[in-house]
Amino acid sequence: MSFIPTLDLLSALKIRLAALELSPGVKAFEQVEYYSQPRLIQALQDLRLFKNRVCLIVPDDDVYEHSLEGRVLDTHCLRSVILLFADRDVGRRQDASTGDPSGTPGVIKLNQLVVDDLLGHSLGFDEGRGRPDVGGPILIEGKDREHSTGREAWHLDLTIEAGTAITTHDP
């Protein structure tokens, strides 16, 4: 088996995240986009993302794990992705983190929703299961905080299984 192509995995991940719902008919994220670096505020400005709830998908490392038995080499590929979530509540910034009864879910709830949805589930491939690694709040300070009215953010580092290649080598 060859590895699942990175762009195929990213596309399947984007489709899955865009389909997540907070409740029937209410999308978890108003916008899901790719971005090339884990700088949330810069991405929001570059991509002109004015929605309240956004998710950015940032491709990260590929990790290859090897095991050798005789002449047979098994290589397992793991693709890392950083997910950046942002929510906004202009009235009360804290609600963008912890949520409120009026409809702002907050980044903590968005993170839990994503983890619950991806943990151990396939992205539509034989492999391609998601494995959340680490996550936490993103500190927005200084001028970035001034320009991110009511926004709070969270990052989730995710590993996705991308398949195994088995090769036989000459002695």
Foldseek 3Di string as FASTA:
>chain_A
DDWADPVVLVVLVQVVQQPDAPDVPHRQAPEEEEDADPDVLVCCVVVVPPDFKYKYKYWDDKDWDWDDDPQKIKIWIKTKIKIKIKGFDLVDLVCLAPNDPVDNRHPVNSVVSVCVVQQQDASPDPFFGKDWDDKDWDDQDDVSCVVPRSMTMMMIMIITTGDMDMDGDDD
